[in-house]
Full PDB file with SEQRES, HELIX, SHEET, SSBOND, CRYST1, ORIGX, SCALE, CONECT and MASTER records, all heavy atoms in Angstrom:
SEQRES   1 A   32  LEU SER GLY TYR GLU GLN GLU ARG LEU ALA GLN LYS TYR          
SEQRES   2 A   32  ALA ALA ALA HIS THR ASP VAL ASN ALA ALA LEU GLU LYS          
SEQRES   3 A   32  LYS PRO TRP SER PRO ILE                                      
HELIX    1 AA1 GLY A    3  GLU A   25  1                                  23    
CRYST1    1.000    1.000    1.000  90.00  90.00  90.00 P 1           1          
ORIGX1      1.000000  0.000000  0.000000        0.00000                         
ORIGX2      0.000000  1.000000  0.000000        0.00000                         
ORIGX3      0.000000  0.000000  1.000000        0.00000                         
SCALE1      1.000000  0.000000  0.000000        0.00000                         
SCALE2      0.000000  1.000000  0.000000        0.00000                         
SCALE3      0.000000  0.000000  1.000000        0.00000                         
ATOM      1  N   LEU A   1       0.843  -1.184   0.014  1.00  0.00           N  
ATOM      2  CA  LEU A   1      -0.006  -0.011  -0.019  1.00  0.00           C  
ATOM      3  C   LEU A   1       0.864   1.240   0.011  1.00  0.00           C  
ATOM      4  O   LEU A   1       1.928   1.270   0.616  1.00  0.00           O  
ATOM      5  CB  LEU A   1      -0.926   0.003   1.238  1.00  0.00           C  
ATOM      6  CG  LEU A   1      -1.892  -1.155   1.340  1.00  0.00           C  
ATOM      7  CD1 LEU A   1      -2.602  -1.066   2.659  1.00  0.00           C  
ATOM      8  CD2 LEU A   1      -2.880  -1.143   0.202  1.00  0.00           C  
ATOM      9  N   SER A   2       0.378   2.309  -0.657  1.00  0.00           N  
ATOM     10  CA  SER A   2       1.110   3.563  -0.680  1.00  0.00           C  
ATOM     11  C   SER A   2       1.023   4.212   0.713  1.00  0.00           C  
ATOM     12  O   SER A   2       0.213   3.862   1.545  1.00  0.00           O  
ATOM     13  CB  SER A   2       0.526   4.483  -1.734  1.00  0.00           C  
ATOM     14  OG  SER A   2      -0.770   4.879  -1.376  1.00  0.00           O  
ATOM     15  N   GLY A   3       1.906   5.188   0.948  1.00  0.00           N  
ATOM     16  CA  GLY A   3       1.884   5.895   2.181  1.00  0.00           C  
ATOM     17  C   GLY A   3       0.575   6.646   2.436  1.00  0.00           C  
ATOM     18  O   GLY A   3       0.066   6.684   3.531  1.00  0.00           O  
ATOM     19  N   TYR A   4       0.051   7.182   1.328  1.00  0.00           N  
ATOM     20  CA  TYR A   4      -1.247   7.859   1.438  1.00  0.00           C  
ATOM     21  C   TYR A   4      -2.360   6.898   1.882  1.00  0.00           C  
ATOM     22  O   TYR A   4      -3.184   7.203   2.701  1.00  0.00           O  
ATOM     23  CB  TYR A   4      -1.605   8.494   0.084  1.00  0.00           C  
ATOM     24  CG  TYR A   4      -2.990   9.060   0.061  1.00  0.00           C  
ATOM     25  CD1 TYR A   4      -3.303  10.247   0.685  1.00  0.00           C  
ATOM     26  CD2 TYR A   4      -3.988   8.370  -0.632  1.00  0.00           C  
ATOM     27  CE1 TYR A   4      -4.592  10.741   0.657  1.00  0.00           C  
ATOM     28  CE2 TYR A   4      -5.299   8.883  -0.648  1.00  0.00           C  
ATOM     29  CZ  TYR A   4      -5.588  10.063  -0.002  1.00  0.00           C  
ATOM     30  OH  TYR A   4      -6.870  10.540  -0.016  1.00  0.00           O  
ATOM     31  N   GLU A   5      -2.354   5.693   1.277  1.00  0.00           N  
ATOM     32  CA  GLU A   5      -3.377   4.715   1.591  1.00  0.00           C  
ATOM     33  C   GLU A   5      -3.254   4.246   3.024  1.00  0.00           C  
ATOM     34  O   GLU A   5      -4.229   4.086   3.753  1.00  0.00           O  
ATOM     35  CB  GLU A   5      -3.293   3.515   0.655  1.00  0.00           C  
ATOM     36  CG  GLU A   5      -4.344   2.457   0.857  1.00  0.00           C  
ATOM     37  CD  GLU A   5      -5.744   2.894   0.542  1.00  0.00           C  
ATOM     38  OE1 GLU A   5      -5.930   3.874  -0.209  1.00  0.00           O  
ATOM     39  OE2 GLU A   5      -6.685   2.237   1.010  1.00  0.00           O  
ATOM     40  N   GLN A   6      -2.036   4.057   3.495  1.00  0.00           N  
ATOM     41  CA  GLN A   6      -1.831   3.659   4.899  1.00  0.00           C  
ATOM     42  C   GLN A   6      -2.259   4.728   5.856  1.00  0.00           C  
ATOM     43  O   GLN A   6      -2.894   4.468   6.864  1.00  0.00           O  
ATOM     44  CB  GLN A   6      -0.343   3.311   5.124  1.00  0.00           C  
ATOM     45  CG  GLN A   6       0.082   2.038   4.430  1.00  0.00           C  
ATOM     46  CD  GLN A   6       1.554   1.710   4.654  1.00  0.00           C  
ATOM     47  OE1 GLN A   6       2.263   2.502   5.289  1.00  0.00           O  
ATOM     48  NE2 GLN A   6       2.007   0.614   4.096  1.00  0.00           N  
ATOM     49  N   GLU A   7      -1.962   5.961   5.507  1.00  0.00           N  
ATOM     50  CA  GLU A   7      -2.423   7.092   6.327  1.00  0.00           C  
ATOM     51  C   GLU A   7      -3.940   7.229   6.379  1.00  0.00           C  
ATOM     52  O   GLU A   7      -4.529   7.465   7.412  1.00  0.00           O  
ATOM     53  CB  GLU A   7      -1.814   8.408   5.769  1.00  0.00           C  
ATOM     54  CG  GLU A   7      -2.120   9.613   6.627  1.00  0.00           C  
ATOM     55  CD  GLU A   7      -1.479  10.852   6.044  1.00  0.00           C  
ATOM     56  OE1 GLU A   7      -0.373  10.781   5.481  1.00  0.00           O  
ATOM     57  OE2 GLU A   7      -2.085  11.919   6.201  1.00  0.00           O  
ATOM     58  N   ARG A   8      -4.564   7.009   5.223  1.00  0.00           N  
ATOM     59  CA  ARG A   8      -6.019   7.053   5.158  1.00  0.00           C  
ATOM     60  C   ARG A   8      -6.662   5.957   5.997  1.00  0.00           C  
ATOM     61  O   ARG A   8      -7.649   6.194   6.684  1.00  0.00           O  
ATOM     62  CB  ARG A   8      -6.489   6.919   3.690  1.00  0.00           C  
ATOM     63  CG  ARG A   8      -7.973   7.197   3.516  1.00  0.00           C  
ATOM     64  CD  ARG A   8      -8.433   6.917   2.104  1.00  0.00           C  
ATOM     65  NE  ARG A   8      -8.346   5.503   1.756  1.00  0.00           N  
ATOM     66  CZ  ARG A   8      -9.234   4.572   2.147  1.00  0.00           C  
ATOM     67  NH1 ARG A   8     -10.251   4.898   2.917  1.00  0.00           N  
ATOM     68  NH2 ARG A   8      -9.048   3.314   1.790  1.00  0.00           N  
ATOM     69  N   LEU A   9      -6.079   4.749   5.972  1.00  0.00           N  
ATOM     70  CA  LEU A   9      -6.606   3.677   6.824  1.00  0.00           C  
ATOM     71  C   LEU A   9      -6.448   3.986   8.265  1.00  0.00           C  
ATOM     72  O   LEU A   9      -7.335   3.732   9.082  1.00  0.00           O  
ATOM     73  CB  LEU A   9      -5.843   2.368   6.469  1.00  0.00           C  
ATOM     74  CG  LEU A   9      -6.150   1.755   5.085  1.00  0.00           C  
ATOM     75  CD1 LEU A   9      -5.223   0.579   4.855  1.00  0.00           C  
ATOM     76  CD2 LEU A   9      -7.590   1.326   5.005  1.00  0.00           C  
ATOM     77  N   ALA A  10      -5.311   4.561   8.652  1.00  0.00           N  
ATOM     78  CA  ALA A  10      -5.057   4.935  10.063  1.00  0.00           C  
ATOM     79  C   ALA A  10      -6.049   6.020  10.504  1.00  0.00           C  
ATOM     80  O   ALA A  10      -6.602   5.916  11.621  1.00  0.00           O  
ATOM     81  CB  ALA A  10      -3.626   5.390  10.245  1.00  0.00           C  
ATOM     82  N   GLN A  11      -6.303   6.999   9.658  1.00  0.00           N  
ATOM     83  CA  GLN A  11      -7.267   8.039  10.015  1.00  0.00           C  
ATOM     84  C   GLN A  11      -8.682   7.502  10.135  1.00  0.00           C  
ATOM     85  O   GLN A  11      -9.418   7.873  11.043  1.00  0.00           O  
ATOM     86  CB  GLN A  11      -7.209   9.180   9.005  1.00  0.00           C  
ATOM     87  CG  GLN A  11      -5.978   9.999   9.030  1.00  0.00           C  
ATOM     88  CD  GLN A  11      -5.897  11.005   7.927  1.00  0.00           C  
ATOM     89  OE1 GLN A  11      -6.682  10.951   6.950  1.00  0.00           O  
ATOM     90  NE2 GLN A  11      -4.940  11.918   8.022  1.00  0.00           N  
ATOM     91  N   LYS A  12      -9.052   6.614   9.217  1.00  0.00           N  
ATOM     92  CA  LYS A  12     -10.393   6.029   9.254  1.00  0.00           C  
ATOM     93  C   LYS A  12     -10.590   5.188  10.540  1.00  0.00           C  
ATOM     94  O   LYS A  12     -11.615   5.262  11.187  1.00  0.00           O  
ATOM     95  CB  LYS A  12     -10.586   5.154   8.021  1.00  0.00           C  
ATOM     96  CG  LYS A  12     -11.973   4.591   7.885  1.00  0.00           C  
ATOM     97  CD  LYS A  12     -12.123   3.789   6.592  1.00  0.00           C  
ATOM     98  CE  LYS A  12     -13.473   3.172   6.459  1.00  0.00           C  
ATOM     99  NZ  LYS A  12     -13.614   2.347   5.246  1.00  0.00           N  
ATOM    100  N   TYR A  13      -9.537   4.451  10.881  1.00  0.00           N  
ATOM    101  CA  TYR A  13      -9.588   3.629  12.096  1.00  0.00           C  
ATOM    102  C   TYR A  13      -9.690   4.513  13.324  1.00  0.00           C  
ATOM    103  O   TYR A  13     -10.475   4.240  14.231  1.00  0.00           O  
ATOM    104  CB  TYR A  13      -8.383   2.707  12.157  1.00  0.00           C  
ATOM    105  CG  TYR A  13      -8.365   1.830  13.385  1.00  0.00           C  
ATOM    106  CD1 TYR A  13      -9.100   0.644  13.382  1.00  0.00           C  
ATOM    107  CD2 TYR A  13      -7.634   2.148  14.515  1.00  0.00           C  
ATOM    108  CE1 TYR A  13      -9.098  -0.174  14.482  1.00  0.00           C  
ATOM    109  CE2 TYR A  13      -7.615   1.341  15.611  1.00  0.00           C  
ATOM    110  CZ  TYR A  13      -8.333   0.165  15.626  1.00  0.00           C  
ATOM    111  OH  TYR A  13      -8.368  -0.624  16.710  1.00  0.00           O  
ATOM    112  N   ALA A  14      -8.878   5.548  13.391  1.00  0.00           N  
ATOM    113  CA  ALA A  14      -8.900   6.471  14.534  1.00  0.00           C  
ATOM    114  C   ALA A  14     -10.222   7.159  14.680  1.00  0.00           C  
ATOM    115  O   ALA A  14     -10.792   7.301  15.782  1.00  0.00           O  
ATOM    116  CB  ALA A  14      -7.771   7.495  14.385  1.00  0.00           C  
ATOM    117  N   ALA A  15     -10.798   7.568  13.527  1.00  0.00           N  
ATOM    118  CA  ALA A  15     -12.102   8.243  13.611  1.00  0.00           C  
ATOM    119  C   ALA A  15     -13.203   7.294  14.040  1.00  0.00           C  
ATOM    120  O   ALA A  15     -14.117   7.690  14.797  1.00  0.00           O  
ATOM    121  CB  ALA A  15     -12.433   8.836  12.198  1.00  0.00           C  
ATOM    122  N   ALA A  16     -13.124   6.105  13.664  1.00  0.00           N  
ATOM    123  CA  ALA A  16     -14.151   5.107  14.018  1.00  0.00           C  
ATOM    124  C   ALA A  16     -14.075   4.680  15.457  1.00  0.00           C  
ATOM    125  O   ALA A  16     -15.079   4.319  16.091  1.00  0.00           O  
ATOM    126  CB  ALA A  16     -14.049   3.866  13.141  1.00  0.00           C  
ATOM    127  N   HIS A  17     -12.917   4.722  16.061  1.00  0.00           N  
ATOM    128  CA  HIS A  17     -12.768   4.218  17.406  1.00  0.00           C  
ATOM    129  C   HIS A  17     -12.618   5.271  18.518  1.00  0.00           C  
ATOM    130  O   HIS A  17     -12.984   5.033  19.652  1.00  0.00           O  
ATOM    131  CB  HIS A  17     -11.593   3.255  17.484  1.00  0.00           C  
ATOM    132  CG  HIS A  17     -11.855   1.990  16.752  1.00  0.00           C  
ATOM    133  ND1 HIS A  17     -11.828   1.858  15.409  1.00  0.00           N  
ATOM    134  CD2 HIS A  17     -12.260   0.765  17.229  1.00  0.00           C  
ATOM    135  CE1 HIS A  17     -12.124   0.643  15.049  1.00  0.00           C  
ATOM    136  NE2 HIS A  17     -12.443  -0.051  16.130  1.00  0.00           N  
ATOM    137  N   THR A  18     -12.128   6.447  18.189  1.00  0.00           N  
ATOM    138  CA  THR A  18     -11.934   7.463  19.254  1.00  0.00           C  
ATOM    139  C   THR A  18     -13.248   8.201  19.545  1.00  0.00           C  
ATOM    140  O   THR A  18     -13.458   8.629  20.667  1.00  0.00           O  
ATOM    141  CB  THR A  18     -10.848   8.443  18.900  1.00  0.00           C  
ATOM    142  OG1 THR A  18     -11.166   9.019  17.631  1.00  0.00           O  
ATOM    143  CG2 THR A  18      -9.481   7.768  18.850  1.00  0.00           C  
ATOM    144  N   ASP A  19     -14.124   8.371  18.572  1.00  0.00           N  
ATOM    145  CA  ASP A  19     -15.356   9.096  18.798  1.00  0.00           C  
ATOM    146  C   ASP A  19     -16.244   8.390  19.811  1.00  0.00           C  
ATOM    147  O   ASP A  19     -16.819   9.023  20.691  1.00  0.00           O  
ATOM    148  CB  ASP A  19     -16.132   9.282  17.498  1.00  0.00           C  
ATOM    149  CG  ASP A  19     -15.432  10.215  16.564  1.00  0.00           C  
ATOM    150  OD1 ASP A  19     -14.581  10.981  17.024  1.00  0.00           O  
ATOM    151  OD2 ASP A  19     -15.729  10.173  15.368  1.00  0.00           O  
ATOM    152  N   VAL A  20     -16.296   7.074  19.740  1.00  0.00           N  
ATOM    153  CA  VAL A  20     -17.126   6.306  20.676  1.00  0.00           C  
ATOM    154  C   VAL A  20     -16.579   6.412  22.097  1.00  0.00           C  
ATOM    155  O   VAL A  20     -17.300   6.654  23.037  1.00  0.00           O  
ATOM    156  CB  VAL A  20     -17.213   4.825  20.233  1.00  0.00           C  
ATOM    157  CG1 VAL A  20     -17.863   3.986  21.299  1.00  0.00           C  
ATOM    158  CG2 VAL A  20     -18.012   4.738  18.949  1.00  0.00           C  
ATOM    159  N   ASN A  21     -15.261   6.264  22.218  1.00  0.00           N  
ATOM    160  CA  ASN A  21     -14.693   6.323  23.555  1.00  0.00           C  
ATOM    161  C   ASN A  21     -14.806   7.703  24.160  1.00  0.00           C  
ATOM    162  O   ASN A  21     -15.084   7.865  25.344  1.00  0.00           O  
ATOM    163  CB  ASN A  21     -13.180   5.928  23.473  1.00  0.00           C  
ATOM    164  CG  ASN A  21     -13.012   4.457  23.161  1.00  0.00           C  
ATOM    165  OD1 ASN A  21     -13.897   3.650  23.464  1.00  0.00           O  
ATOM    166  ND2 ASN A  21     -11.934   4.103  22.520  1.00  0.00           N  
ATOM    167  N   ALA A  22     -14.638   8.740  23.351  1.00  0.00           N  
ATOM    168  CA  ALA A  22     -14.788  10.087  23.857  1.00  0.00           C  
ATOM    169  C   ALA A  22     -16.209  10.358  24.259  1.00  0.00           C  
ATOM    170  O   ALA A  22     -16.525  10.979  25.279  1.00  0.00           O  
ATOM    171  CB  ALA A  22     -14.348  11.101  22.808  1.00  0.00           C  
ATOM    172  N   ALA A  23     -17.182   9.866  23.473  1.00  0.00           N  
ATOM    173  CA  ALA A  23     -18.571  10.065  23.770  1.00  0.00           C  
ATOM    174  C   ALA A  23     -18.988   9.302  25.022  1.00  0.00           C  
ATOM    175  O   ALA A  23     -19.803   9.778  25.801  1.00  0.00           O  
ATOM    176  CB  ALA A  23     -19.420   9.642  22.588  1.00  0.00           C  
ATOM    177  N   LEU A  24     -18.395   8.142  25.226  1.00  0.00           N  
ATOM    178  CA  LEU A  24     -18.714   7.378  26.451  1.00  0.00           C  
ATOM    179  C   LEU A  24     -18.187   8.044  27.686  1.00  0.00           C  
ATOM    180  O   LEU A  24     -18.825   8.017  28.717  1.00  0.00           O  
ATOM    181  CB  LEU A  24     -18.129   5.956  26.333  1.00  0.00           C  
ATOM    182  CG  LEU A  24     -18.884   5.008  25.452  1.00  0.00           C  
ATOM    183  CD1 LEU A  24     -18.066   3.722  25.267  1.00  0.00           C  
ATOM    184  CD2 LEU A  24     -20.240   4.678  25.974  1.00  0.00           C  
ATOM    185  N   GLU A  25     -17.045   8.678  27.576  1.00  0.00           N  
ATOM    186  CA  GLU A  25     -16.473   9.363  28.731  1.00  0.00           C  
ATOM    187  C   GLU A  25     -17.102  10.699  28.982  1.00  0.00           C  
ATOM    188  O   GLU A  25     -17.042  11.220  30.113  1.00  0.00           O  
ATOM    189  CB  GLU A  25     -14.949   9.543  28.521  1.00  0.00           C  
ATOM    190  CG  GLU A  25     -14.226   8.223  28.343  1.00  0.00           C  
ATOM    191  CD  GLU A  25     -14.398   7.298  29.550  1.00  0.00           C  
ATOM    192  OE1 GLU A  25     -14.474   7.725  30.675  1.00  0.00           O  
ATOM    193  OE2 GLU A  25     -14.479   6.070  29.286  1.00  0.00           O  
ATOM    194  N   LYS A  26     -17.753  11.309  27.993  1.00  0.00           N  
ATOM    195  CA  LYS A  26     -18.275  12.655  28.137  1.00  0.00           C  
ATOM    196  C   LYS A  26     -19.751  12.542  28.555  1.00  0.00           C  
ATOM    197  O   LYS A  26     -20.603  12.150  27.746  1.00  0.00           O  
ATOM    198  CB  LYS A  26     -18.146  13.404  26.836  1.00  0.00           C  
ATOM    199  CG  LYS A  26     -18.685  14.804  26.869  1.00  0.00           C  
ATOM    200  CD  LYS A  26     -18.597  15.431  25.512  1.00  0.00           C  
ATOM    201  CE  LYS A  26     -19.574  16.547  25.418  1.00  0.00           C  
ATOM    202  NZ  LYS A  26     -19.752  16.998  24.048  1.00  0.00           N  
ATOM    203  N   LYS A  27     -20.063  12.876  29.747  1.00  0.00           N  
ATOM    204  CA  LYS A  27     -21.430  12.934  30.220  1.00  0.00           C  
ATOM    205  C   LYS A  27     -22.095  14.200  29.752  1.00  0.00           C  
ATOM    206  O   LYS A  27     -21.480  15.254  29.885  1.00  0.00           O  
ATOM    207  CB  LYS A  27     -21.438  12.846  31.765  1.00  0.00           C  
ATOM    208  CG  LYS A  27     -22.747  12.483  32.366  1.00  0.00           C  
ATOM    209  CD  LYS A  27     -22.568  12.272  33.878  1.00  0.00           C  
ATOM    210  CE  LYS A  27     -23.807  11.736  34.476  1.00  0.00           C  
ATOM    211  NZ  LYS A  27     -23.666  11.475  35.895  1.00  0.00           N  
ATOM    212  N   PRO A  28     -23.264  14.159  29.170  1.00  0.00           N  
ATOM    213  CA  PRO A  28     -23.847  15.379  28.571  1.00  0.00           C  
ATOM    214  C   PRO A  28     -23.979  16.531  29.562  1.00  0.00           C  
ATOM    215  O   PRO A  28     -23.526  17.584  29.339  1.00  0.00           O  
ATOM    216  CB  PRO A  28     -25.181  14.920  28.040  1.00  0.00           C  
ATOM    217  CG  PRO A  28     -25.458  13.605  28.646  1.00  0.00           C  
ATOM    218  CD  PRO A  28     -24.175  13.014  29.079  1.00  0.00           C  
ATOM    219  N   TRP A  29     -24.633  16.281  30.665  1.00  0.00           N  
ATOM    220  CA  TRP A  29     -24.745  17.210  31.783  1.00  0.00           C  
ATOM    221  C   TRP A  29     -25.428  16.503  32.895  1.00  0.00           C  
ATOM    222  O   TRP A  29     -25.973  15.402  32.738  1.00  0.00           O  
ATOM    223  CB  TRP A  29     -25.425  18.521  31.425  1.00  0.00           C  
ATOM    224  CG  TRP A  29     -26.756  18.368  30.800  1.00  0.00           C  
ATOM    225  CD1 TRP A  29     -27.890  17.915  31.382  1.00  0.00           C  
ATOM    226  CD2 TRP A  29     -27.160  18.639  29.480  1.00  0.00           C  
ATOM    227  NE1 TRP A  29     -28.948  17.891  30.552  1.00  0.00           N  
ATOM    228  CE2 TRP A  29     -28.502  18.334  29.337  1.00  0.00           C  
ATOM    229  CE3 TRP A  29     -26.470  19.110  28.380  1.00  0.00           C  
ATOM    230  CZ2 TRP A  29     -29.201  18.529  28.149  1.00  0.00           C  
ATOM    231  CZ3 TRP A  29     -27.173  19.292  27.182  1.00  0.00           C  
ATOM    232  CH2 TRP A  29     -28.518  18.992  27.098  1.00  0.00           C  
ATOM    233  N   SER A  30     -25.407  17.053  34.048  1.00  0.00           N  
ATOM    234  CA  SER A  30     -25.984  16.409  35.222  1.00  0.00           C  
ATOM    235  C   SER A  30     -27.487  16.244  35.065  1.00  0.00           C  
ATOM    236  O   SER A  30     -28.210  17.239  34.890  1.00  0.00           O  
ATOM    237  CB  SER A  30     -25.680  17.191  36.469  1.00  0.00           C  
ATOM    238  OG  SER A  30     -26.296  16.602  37.560  1.00  0.00           O  
ATOM    239  N   PRO A  31     -27.998  15.024  35.153  1.00  0.00           N  
ATOM    240  CA  PRO A  31     -29.470  14.835  35.049  1.00  0.00           C  
ATOM    241  C   PRO A  31     -30.190  15.380  36.255  1.00  0.00           C  
ATOM    242  O   PRO A  31     -31.399  15.648  36.176  1.00  0.00           O  
ATOM    243  CB  PRO A  31     -29.601  13.336  34.911  1.00  0.00           C  
ATOM    244  CG  PRO A  31     -28.361  12.737  35.457  1.00  0.00           C  
ATOM    245  CD  PRO A  31     -27.308  13.743  35.279  1.00  0.00           C  
ATOM    246  N   ILE A  32     -29.498  15.581  37.365  1.00  0.00           N  
ATOM    247  CA  ILE A  32     -30.158  16.147  38.543  1.00  0.00           C  
ATOM    248  C   ILE A  32     -30.515  17.620  38.273  1.00  0.00           C  
ATOM    249  O   ILE A  32     -31.573  18.118  38.648  1.00  0.00           O  
ATOM    250  CB  ILE A  32     -29.286  16.014  39.793  1.00  0.00           C  
ATOM    251  CG1 ILE A  32     -29.158  14.535  40.126  1.00  0.00           C  
ATOM    252  CG2 ILE A  32     -29.853  16.793  40.959  1.00  0.00           C  
ATOM    253  CD1 ILE A  32     -28.215  14.238  41.289  1.00  0.00           C  
TER     254      ILE A  32                                                      
MASTER        0    0    0    1    0    0    0    6  253    1    0    3          
END                                                                             
């Protein structure tokens, strides 16, 4: 694979996995 293709795969993987973890850790606001 070209360097561009490897970079694109890494970015796609990071985007798919970091958003969920960040969203799980971020509580919207206090329900109380």
